[in-house]
Amino acid sequence: MILIYVPTEAVDKYSWVTRMTDEKTQKVTPIKVCCPGYGLLRWRGERRCVPVCKKCRNGQCVAPDVCECYNEFVRTDNGDCVFSCPLGCLNGRCYLDGSCECDPGYKLDETRQYCRPICSKGCGTDPLLNCTAPEVCGCIQGFTLSDSGCKPLCEPECGPGGVCQEIGFKPLCACHAGYGLKDGVCQADCYQSCANGICYNRNRCICNPGFVYHERTRNCIPV
């Protein structure tokens, strides 16, 4: 959790975790909120911060965008958690003995728990290319195919302060001089905190959707 200061009149708009004071006469109120990459979970009257994953079906989010598959599920090349035998067999069928038989154009993966597509001629030497469908070569997750090869796709986009590059087989933002990586976006070195927004340049804060700029605290608060 992190400590932030918000306008007292806007405190009720936040899914705050801990309110540090109940004094309502002051202009700003300190509250504790979840760190970037975490969201608020309410359970039996308690509030706690838990990691958030963009994609974690059939698994448990153990860290920001880190998903662990449940038992009886297996991770595919695309990072999805799918049923494994005897419950299921992606691109194939399961038998009572727990074995998986692949459909035409597919073969068993190394775990022998699901079937991946076959490209008989291979997909070249570029490690960013893989077989995405029978006899169809595409890019690994996080990249898109272009005339010059696999192009990285950063989510969220890097903004005007950086470019999306492939670093260690992952799409990551490389920031220009005077910019730093914050919440996955290249932002300028602000004179203000610009919470819930992006620091476009030293003197300009652009708020995220659902937020509006508050002059007194120089932050973005919920609408």
Foldseek 3Di string as FASTA:
>chain_A
DDKDKDALVQPVVDPFQAWPDPDSPDGITITDADDQQWHWDADPNHIDTAGDAPDAPQFDDHHRNDTDHDPQWDQDQQRYTHGFPPVAAEQFHADPVRATDHDPQWDADPVRGYTDGDQPVFDDDPPQWDDHHRNDIFGGPQWGQDPVGTHGDFVPAQAPQFHWDQDPNHTATDGDPQWDADSRYTAGPEPAPAPQFGHNYNPDTGHDPQWDADVVRRYTGGD
